PDB file of all heavy atoms in Angstrom:
ATOM      1  N   PRO A   1     -13.958   2.490  -3.229  1.00  0.00           N
ATOM      2  CA  PRO A   1     -14.145   1.521  -4.322  1.00  0.00           C
ATOM      3  C   PRO A   1     -12.854   0.764  -4.671  1.00  0.00           C
ATOM      4  O   PRO A   1     -12.892  -0.444  -4.900  1.00  0.00           O
ATOM      5  CB  PRO A   1     -14.618   2.392  -5.490  1.00  0.00           C
ATOM      6  CG  PRO A   1     -15.279   3.569  -4.828  1.00  0.00           C
ATOM      7  CD  PRO A   1     -14.458   3.826  -3.591  1.00  0.00           C
ATOM      8  N   ARG A   2     -11.724   1.470  -4.693  1.00  0.00           N
ATOM      9  CA  ARG A   2     -10.439   0.807  -4.979  1.00  0.00           C
ATOM     10  C   ARG A   2     -10.100  -0.194  -3.879  1.00  0.00           C
ATOM     11  O   ARG A   2      -9.671  -1.311  -4.145  1.00  0.00           O
ATOM     12  CB  ARG A   2      -9.330   1.858  -5.113  1.00  0.00           C
ATOM     13  CG  ARG A   2      -7.932   1.292  -5.176  1.00  0.00           C
ATOM     14  CD  ARG A   2      -7.650   0.562  -6.476  1.00  0.00           C
ATOM     15  NE  ARG A   2      -6.261   0.113  -6.476  1.00  0.00           N
ATOM     16  CZ  ARG A   2      -5.871  -1.041  -6.988  1.00  0.00           C
ATOM     17  NH1 ARG A   2      -6.733  -1.831  -7.586  1.00  0.00           N
ATOM     18  NH2 ARG A   2      -4.614  -1.396  -6.935  1.00  0.00           N
ATOM     19  N   PHE A   3     -10.318   0.220  -2.617  1.00  0.00           N
ATOM     20  CA  PHE A   3     -10.048  -0.698  -1.516  1.00  0.00           C
ATOM     21  C   PHE A   3     -10.918  -1.950  -1.632  1.00  0.00           C
ATOM     22  O   PHE A   3     -10.431  -3.068  -1.451  1.00  0.00           O
ATOM     23  CB  PHE A   3     -10.278  -0.037  -0.144  1.00  0.00           C
ATOM     24  CG  PHE A   3     -10.241  -1.044   0.964  1.00  0.00           C
ATOM     25  CD1 PHE A   3      -9.035  -1.584   1.377  1.00  0.00           C
ATOM     26  CD2 PHE A   3     -11.413  -1.494   1.551  1.00  0.00           C
ATOM     27  CE1 PHE A   3      -8.997  -2.557   2.361  1.00  0.00           C
ATOM     28  CE2 PHE A   3     -11.387  -2.465   2.540  1.00  0.00           C
ATOM     29  CZ  PHE A   3     -10.171  -2.999   2.953  1.00  0.00           C
ATOM     30  N   ARG A   4     -12.194  -1.777  -1.946  1.00  0.00           N
ATOM     31  CA  ARG A   4     -13.100  -2.935  -2.037  1.00  0.00           C
ATOM     32  C   ARG A   4     -12.677  -3.882  -3.155  1.00  0.00           C
ATOM     33  O   ARG A   4     -12.834  -5.099  -3.032  1.00  0.00           O
ATOM     34  CB  ARG A   4     -14.556  -2.489  -2.224  1.00  0.00           C
ATOM     35  CG  ARG A   4     -15.120  -1.733  -1.036  1.00  0.00           C
ATOM     36  CD  ARG A   4     -15.209  -2.570   0.234  1.00  0.00           C
ATOM     37  NE  ARG A   4     -15.638  -1.761   1.363  1.00  0.00           N
ATOM     38  CZ  ARG A   4     -15.398  -2.060   2.626  1.00  0.00           C
ATOM     39  NH1 ARG A   4     -14.743  -3.165   2.947  1.00  0.00           N
ATOM     40  NH2 ARG A   4     -15.810  -1.266   3.583  1.00  0.00           N
ATOM     41  N   GLU A   5     -12.136  -3.349  -4.237  1.00  0.00           N
ATOM     42  CA  GLU A   5     -11.626  -4.203  -5.317  1.00  0.00           C
ATOM     43  C   GLU A   5     -10.426  -5.014  -4.824  1.00  0.00           C
ATOM     44  O   GLU A   5     -10.328  -6.219  -5.080  1.00  0.00           O
ATOM     45  CB  GLU A   5     -11.239  -3.359  -6.536  1.00  0.00           C
ATOM     46  CG  GLU A   5     -10.601  -4.152  -7.662  1.00  0.00           C
ATOM     47  CD  GLU A   5     -11.449  -5.329  -8.144  1.00  0.00           C
ATOM     48  OE1 GLU A   5     -12.687  -5.239  -8.157  1.00  0.00           O
ATOM     49  OE2 GLU A   5     -10.854  -6.367  -8.505  1.00  0.00           O
ATOM     50  N   LEU A   6      -9.517  -4.362  -4.112  1.00  0.00           N
ATOM     51  CA  LEU A   6      -8.364  -5.070  -3.538  1.00  0.00           C
ATOM     52  C   LEU A   6      -8.840  -6.144  -2.551  1.00  0.00           C
ATOM     53  O   LEU A   6      -8.312  -7.253  -2.517  1.00  0.00           O
ATOM     54  CB  LEU A   6      -7.434  -4.081  -2.818  1.00  0.00           C
ATOM     55  CG  LEU A   6      -6.738  -3.044  -3.690  1.00  0.00           C
ATOM     56  CD1 LEU A   6      -6.069  -1.982  -2.820  1.00  0.00           C
ATOM     57  CD2 LEU A   6      -5.737  -3.706  -4.627  1.00  0.00           C
ATOM     58  N   GLU A   7      -9.867  -5.787  -1.781  1.00  0.00           N
ATOM     59  CA  GLU A   7     -10.409  -6.719  -0.789  1.00  0.00           C
ATOM     60  C   GLU A   7     -11.024  -7.943  -1.476  1.00  0.00           C
ATOM     61  O   GLU A   7     -10.800  -9.080  -1.044  1.00  0.00           O
ATOM     62  CB  GLU A   7     -11.448  -5.997   0.063  1.00  0.00           C
ATOM     63  CG  GLU A   7     -12.030  -6.847   1.179  1.00  0.00           C
ATOM     64  CD  GLU A   7     -12.934  -6.045   2.071  1.00  0.00           C
ATOM     65  OE1 GLU A   7     -13.912  -5.423   1.569  1.00  0.00           O
ATOM     66  OE2 GLU A   7     -12.670  -6.026   3.287  1.00  0.00           O
ATOM     67  N   ARG A   8     -11.795  -7.717  -2.556  1.00  0.00           N
ATOM     68  CA  ARG A   8     -12.394  -8.846  -3.289  1.00  0.00           C
ATOM     69  C   ARG A   8     -11.323  -9.824  -3.748  1.00  0.00           C
ATOM     70  O   ARG A   8     -11.470 -11.032  -3.597  1.00  0.00           O
ATOM     71  CB  ARG A   8     -13.174  -8.335  -4.513  1.00  0.00           C
ATOM     72  CG  ARG A   8     -14.603  -7.957  -4.223  1.00  0.00           C
ATOM     73  CD  ARG A   8     -15.402  -7.696  -5.499  1.00  0.00           C
ATOM     74  NE  ARG A   8     -14.979  -6.502  -6.211  1.00  0.00           N
ATOM     75  CZ  ARG A   8     -15.321  -5.258  -5.875  1.00  0.00           C
ATOM     76  NH1 ARG A   8     -16.103  -5.039  -4.853  1.00  0.00           N
ATOM     77  NH2 ARG A   8     -14.894  -4.235  -6.570  1.00  0.00           N
ATOM     78  N   ARG A   9     -10.236  -9.282  -4.298  1.00  0.00           N
ATOM     79  CA  ARG A   9      -9.143 -10.135  -4.782  1.00  0.00           C
ATOM     80  C   ARG A   9      -8.479 -10.890  -3.636  1.00  0.00           C
ATOM     81  O   ARG A   9      -8.187 -12.083  -3.752  1.00  0.00           O
ATOM     82  CB  ARG A   9      -8.104  -9.309  -5.528  1.00  0.00           C
ATOM     83  CG  ARG A   9      -8.549  -8.957  -6.928  1.00  0.00           C
ATOM     84  CD  ARG A   9      -7.379  -8.426  -7.736  1.00  0.00           C
ATOM     85  NE  ARG A   9      -7.763  -7.138  -8.275  1.00  0.00           N
ATOM     86  CZ  ARG A   9      -6.971  -6.112  -8.429  1.00  0.00           C
ATOM     87  NH1 ARG A   9      -5.714  -6.169  -8.075  1.00  0.00           N
ATOM     88  NH2 ARG A   9      -7.425  -4.991  -8.946  1.00  0.00           N
ATOM     89  N   ALA A  10      -8.228 -10.182  -2.533  1.00  0.00           N
ATOM     90  CA  ALA A  10      -7.563 -10.807  -1.380  1.00  0.00           C
ATOM     91  C   ALA A  10      -8.433 -11.918  -0.785  1.00  0.00           C
ATOM     92  O   ALA A  10      -7.928 -12.989  -0.415  1.00  0.00           O
ATOM     93  CB  ALA A  10      -7.244  -9.750  -0.318  1.00  0.00           C
ATOM     94  N   VAL A  11      -9.729 -11.666  -0.697  1.00  0.00           N
ATOM     95  CA  VAL A  11     -10.648 -12.664  -0.137  1.00  0.00           C
ATOM     96  C   VAL A  11     -10.707 -13.886  -1.045  1.00  0.00           C
ATOM     97  O   VAL A  11     -10.615 -15.025  -0.580  1.00  0.00           O
ATOM     98  CB  VAL A  11     -12.053 -12.058   0.075  1.00  0.00           C
ATOM     99  CG1 VAL A  11     -13.084 -13.145   0.357  1.00  0.00           C
ATOM    100  CG2 VAL A  11     -12.025 -11.036   1.197  1.00  0.00           C
ATOM    101  N   ARG A  12     -10.849 -13.660  -2.340  1.00  0.00           N
ATOM    102  CA  ARG A  12     -10.902 -14.790  -3.283  1.00  0.00           C
ATOM    103  C   ARG A  12      -9.631 -15.645  -3.165  1.00  0.00           C
ATOM    104  O   ARG A  12      -9.706 -16.868  -3.085  1.00  0.00           O
ATOM    105  CB  ARG A  12     -11.075 -14.297  -4.721  1.00  0.00           C
ATOM    106  CG  ARG A  12     -11.096 -15.428  -5.755  1.00  0.00           C
ATOM    107  CD  ARG A  12     -11.369 -14.908  -7.163  1.00  0.00           C
ATOM    108  NE  ARG A  12     -12.695 -14.340  -7.305  1.00  0.00           N
ATOM    109  CZ  ARG A  12     -13.806 -15.069  -7.480  1.00  0.00           C
ATOM    110  NH1 ARG A  12     -13.733 -16.370  -7.532  1.00  0.00           N
ATOM    111  NH2 ARG A  12     -14.978 -14.475  -7.604  1.00  0.00           N
ATOM    112  N   ALA A  13      -8.481 -14.994  -3.123  1.00  0.00           N
ATOM    113  CA  ALA A  13      -7.214 -15.732  -3.001  1.00  0.00           C
ATOM    114  C   ALA A  13      -7.172 -16.521  -1.693  1.00  0.00           C
ATOM    115  O   ALA A  13      -6.816 -17.702  -1.684  1.00  0.00           O
ATOM    116  CB  ALA A  13      -6.032 -14.764  -3.085  1.00  0.00           C
ATOM    117  N   ALA A  14      -7.544 -15.876  -0.598  1.00  0.00           N
ATOM    118  CA  ALA A  14      -7.488 -16.552   0.704  1.00  0.00           C
ATOM    119  C   ALA A  14      -8.431 -17.751   0.753  1.00  0.00           C
ATOM    120  O   ALA A  14      -8.066 -18.822   1.244  1.00  0.00           O
ATOM    121  CB  ALA A  14      -7.810 -15.565   1.822  1.00  0.00           C
ATOM    122  N   LEU A  15      -9.644 -17.580   0.234  1.00  0.00           N
ATOM    123  CA  LEU A  15     -10.634 -18.658   0.318  1.00  0.00           C
ATOM    124  C   LEU A  15     -10.309 -19.819  -0.616  1.00  0.00           C
ATOM    125  O   LEU A  15     -10.709 -20.953  -0.352  1.00  0.00           O
ATOM    126  CB  LEU A  15     -12.040 -18.131   0.010  1.00  0.00           C
ATOM    127  CG  LEU A  15     -12.605 -17.126   1.021  1.00  0.00           C
ATOM    128  CD1 LEU A  15     -13.976 -16.637   0.566  1.00  0.00           C
ATOM    129  CD2 LEU A  15     -12.666 -17.704   2.429  1.00  0.00           C
ATOM    130  N   THR A  16      -9.591 -19.556  -1.698  1.00  0.00           N
ATOM    131  CA  THR A  16      -9.281 -20.630  -2.639  1.00  0.00           C
ATOM    132  C   THR A  16      -7.907 -21.252  -2.413  1.00  0.00           C
ATOM    133  O   THR A  16      -7.680 -22.393  -2.798  1.00  0.00           O
ATOM    134  CB  THR A  16      -9.384 -20.146  -4.096  1.00  0.00           C
ATOM    135  OG1 THR A  16      -8.510 -19.036  -4.291  1.00  0.00           O
ATOM    136  CG2 THR A  16     -10.802 -19.734  -4.441  1.00  0.00           C
ATOM    137  N   GLU A  17      -6.996 -20.518  -1.764  1.00  0.00           N
ATOM    138  CA  GLU A  17      -5.624 -21.016  -1.610  1.00  0.00           C
ATOM    139  C   GLU A  17      -5.287 -21.495  -0.206  1.00  0.00           C
ATOM    140  O   GLU A  17      -4.352 -22.270  -0.032  1.00  0.00           O
ATOM    141  CB  GLU A  17      -4.623 -19.890  -1.947  1.00  0.00           C
ATOM    142  CG  GLU A  17      -4.721 -19.363  -3.352  1.00  0.00           C
ATOM    143  CD  GLU A  17      -3.947 -18.062  -3.535  1.00  0.00           C
ATOM    144  OE1 GLU A  17      -3.264 -17.610  -2.587  1.00  0.00           O
ATOM    145  OE2 GLU A  17      -4.028 -17.493  -4.638  1.00  0.00           O
ATOM    146  N   HIS A  18      -5.986 -21.021   0.804  1.00  0.00           N
ATOM    147  CA  HIS A  18      -5.574 -21.258   2.189  1.00  0.00           C
ATOM    148  C   HIS A  18      -6.426 -22.348   2.832  1.00  0.00           C
ATOM    149  O   HIS A  18      -7.654 -22.328   2.729  1.00  0.00           O
ATOM    150  CB  HIS A  18      -5.701 -19.951   2.988  1.00  0.00           C
ATOM    151  CG  HIS A  18      -5.110 -20.019   4.350  1.00  0.00           C
ATOM    152  ND1 HIS A  18      -3.755 -20.136   4.582  1.00  0.00           N
ATOM    153  CD2 HIS A  18      -5.691 -19.998   5.570  1.00  0.00           C
ATOM    154  CE1 HIS A  18      -3.532 -20.181   5.875  1.00  0.00           C
ATOM    155  NE2 HIS A  18      -4.702 -20.095   6.506  1.00  0.00           N
ATOM    156  N   ASP A  19      -5.766 -23.289   3.512  1.00  0.00           N
ATOM    157  CA  ASP A  19      -6.517 -24.374   4.148  1.00  0.00           C
ATOM    158  C   ASP A  19      -6.499 -24.290   5.674  1.00  0.00           C
ATOM    159  O   ASP A  19      -6.818 -25.254   6.359  1.00  0.00           O
ATOM    160  CB  ASP A  19      -6.015 -25.736   3.665  1.00  0.00           C
ATOM    161  CG  ASP A  19      -4.559 -25.991   4.025  1.00  0.00           C
ATOM    162  OD1 ASP A  19      -3.905 -25.099   4.599  1.00  0.00           O
ATOM    163  OD2 ASP A  19      -4.073 -27.094   3.719  1.00  0.00           O
ATOM    164  N   GLY A  20      -6.155 -23.119   6.207  1.00  0.00           N
ATOM    165  CA  GLY A  20      -6.175 -22.924   7.653  1.00  0.00           C
ATOM    166  C   GLY A  20      -7.358 -22.076   8.070  1.00  0.00           C
ATOM    167  O   GLY A  20      -8.485 -22.276   7.616  1.00  0.00           O
ATOM    168  N   VAL A  21      -7.087 -21.095   8.927  1.00  0.00           N
ATOM    169  CA  VAL A  21      -8.110 -20.169   9.405  1.00  0.00           C
ATOM    170  C   VAL A  21      -7.995 -18.876   8.593  1.00  0.00           C
ATOM    171  O   VAL A  21      -6.894 -18.378   8.376  1.00  0.00           O
ATOM    172  CB  VAL A  21      -7.913 -19.865  10.911  1.00  0.00           C
ATOM    173  CG1 VAL A  21      -8.933 -18.839  11.397  1.00  0.00           C
ATOM    174  CG2 VAL A  21      -8.007 -21.151  11.732  1.00  0.00           C
ATOM    175  N   VAL A  22      -9.142 -18.351   8.150  1.00  0.00           N
ATOM    176  CA  VAL A  22      -9.162 -17.099   7.398  1.00  0.00           C
ATOM    177  C   VAL A  22      -9.997 -16.080   8.167  1.00  0.00           C
ATOM    178  O   VAL A  22     -11.124 -16.369   8.578  1.00  0.00           O
ATOM    179  CB  VAL A  22      -9.754 -17.283   5.976  1.00  0.00           C
ATOM    180  CG1 VAL A  22      -9.871 -15.941   5.252  1.00  0.00           C
ATOM    181  CG2 VAL A  22      -8.898 -18.246   5.159  1.00  0.00           C
ATOM    182  N   SER A  23      -9.423 -14.888   8.357  1.00  0.00           N
ATOM    183  CA  SER A  23     -10.126 -13.760   8.970  1.00  0.00           C
ATOM    184  C   SER A  23     -10.391 -12.737   7.880  1.00  0.00           C
ATOM    185  O   SER A  23      -9.460 -12.252   7.244  1.00  0.00           O
ATOM    186  CB  SER A  23      -9.246 -13.151  10.070  1.00  0.00           C
ATOM    187  OG  SER A  23      -9.790 -11.933  10.518  1.00  0.00           O
ATOM    188  N   LEU A  24     -11.676 -12.431   7.664  1.00  0.00           N
ATOM    189  CA  LEU A  24     -12.046 -11.468   6.626  1.00  0.00           C
ATOM    190  C   LEU A  24     -12.214 -10.073   7.215  1.00  0.00           C
ATOM    191  O   LEU A  24     -12.669  -9.930   8.352  1.00  0.00           O
ATOM    192  CB  LEU A  24     -13.370 -11.861   5.961  1.00  0.00           C
ATOM    193  CG  LEU A  24     -13.423 -13.197   5.231  1.00  0.00           C
ATOM    194  CD1 LEU A  24     -14.740 -13.320   4.474  1.00  0.00           C
ATOM    195  CD2 LEU A  24     -12.255 -13.379   4.281  1.00  0.00           C
ATOM    196  N   GLY A  25     -11.888  -9.060   6.418  1.00  0.00           N
ATOM    197  CA  GLY A  25     -12.129  -7.685   6.828  1.00  0.00           C
ATOM    198  C   GLY A  25     -13.613  -7.477   7.074  1.00  0.00           C
ATOM    199  O   GLY A  25     -14.460  -8.162   6.479  1.00  0.00           O
ATOM    200  N   GLY A  26     -13.946  -6.528   7.944  1.00  0.00           N
ATOM    201  CA  GLY A  26     -15.325  -6.313   8.357  1.00  0.00           C
ATOM    202  C   GLY A  26     -16.301  -6.063   7.229  1.00  0.00           C
ATOM    203  O   GLY A  26     -17.462  -6.450   7.305  1.00  0.00           O
ATOM    204  N   GLY A  27     -15.856  -5.421   6.143  1.00  0.00           N
ATOM    205  CA  GLY A  27     -16.756  -5.091   5.045  1.00  0.00           C
ATOM    206  C   GLY A  27     -16.751  -6.074   3.894  1.00  0.00           C
ATOM    207  O   GLY A  27     -17.458  -5.879   2.907  1.00  0.00           O
ATOM    208  N   ALA A  28     -15.982  -7.142   4.001  1.00  0.00           N
ATOM    209  CA  ALA A  28     -15.859  -8.097   2.891  1.00  0.00           C
ATOM    210  C   ALA A  28     -17.208  -8.682   2.472  1.00  0.00           C
ATOM    211  O   ALA A  28     -17.435  -8.932   1.292  1.00  0.00           O
ATOM    212  CB  ALA A  28     -14.889  -9.217   3.252  1.00  0.00           C
ATOM    213  N   VAL A  29     -18.123  -8.851   3.434  1.00  0.00           N
ATOM    214  CA  VAL A  29     -19.420  -9.465   3.132  1.00  0.00           C
ATOM    215  C   VAL A  29     -20.330  -8.555   2.307  1.00  0.00           C
ATOM    216  O   VAL A  29     -21.380  -9.006   1.835  1.00  0.00           O
ATOM    217  CB  VAL A  29     -20.170  -9.904   4.413  1.00  0.00           C
ATOM    218  CG1 VAL A  29     -19.392 -10.975   5.152  1.00  0.00           C
ATOM    219  CG2 VAL A  29     -20.484  -8.722   5.299  1.00  0.00           C
TER     220      VAL A  29
END
């Protein structure tokens, strides 16, 4: 659960801040 919370934050930051290619962790979906 703690990892998934960190993952949610990392994904949100990457998708809103990065304009290149983003690779998501396997369980992010």
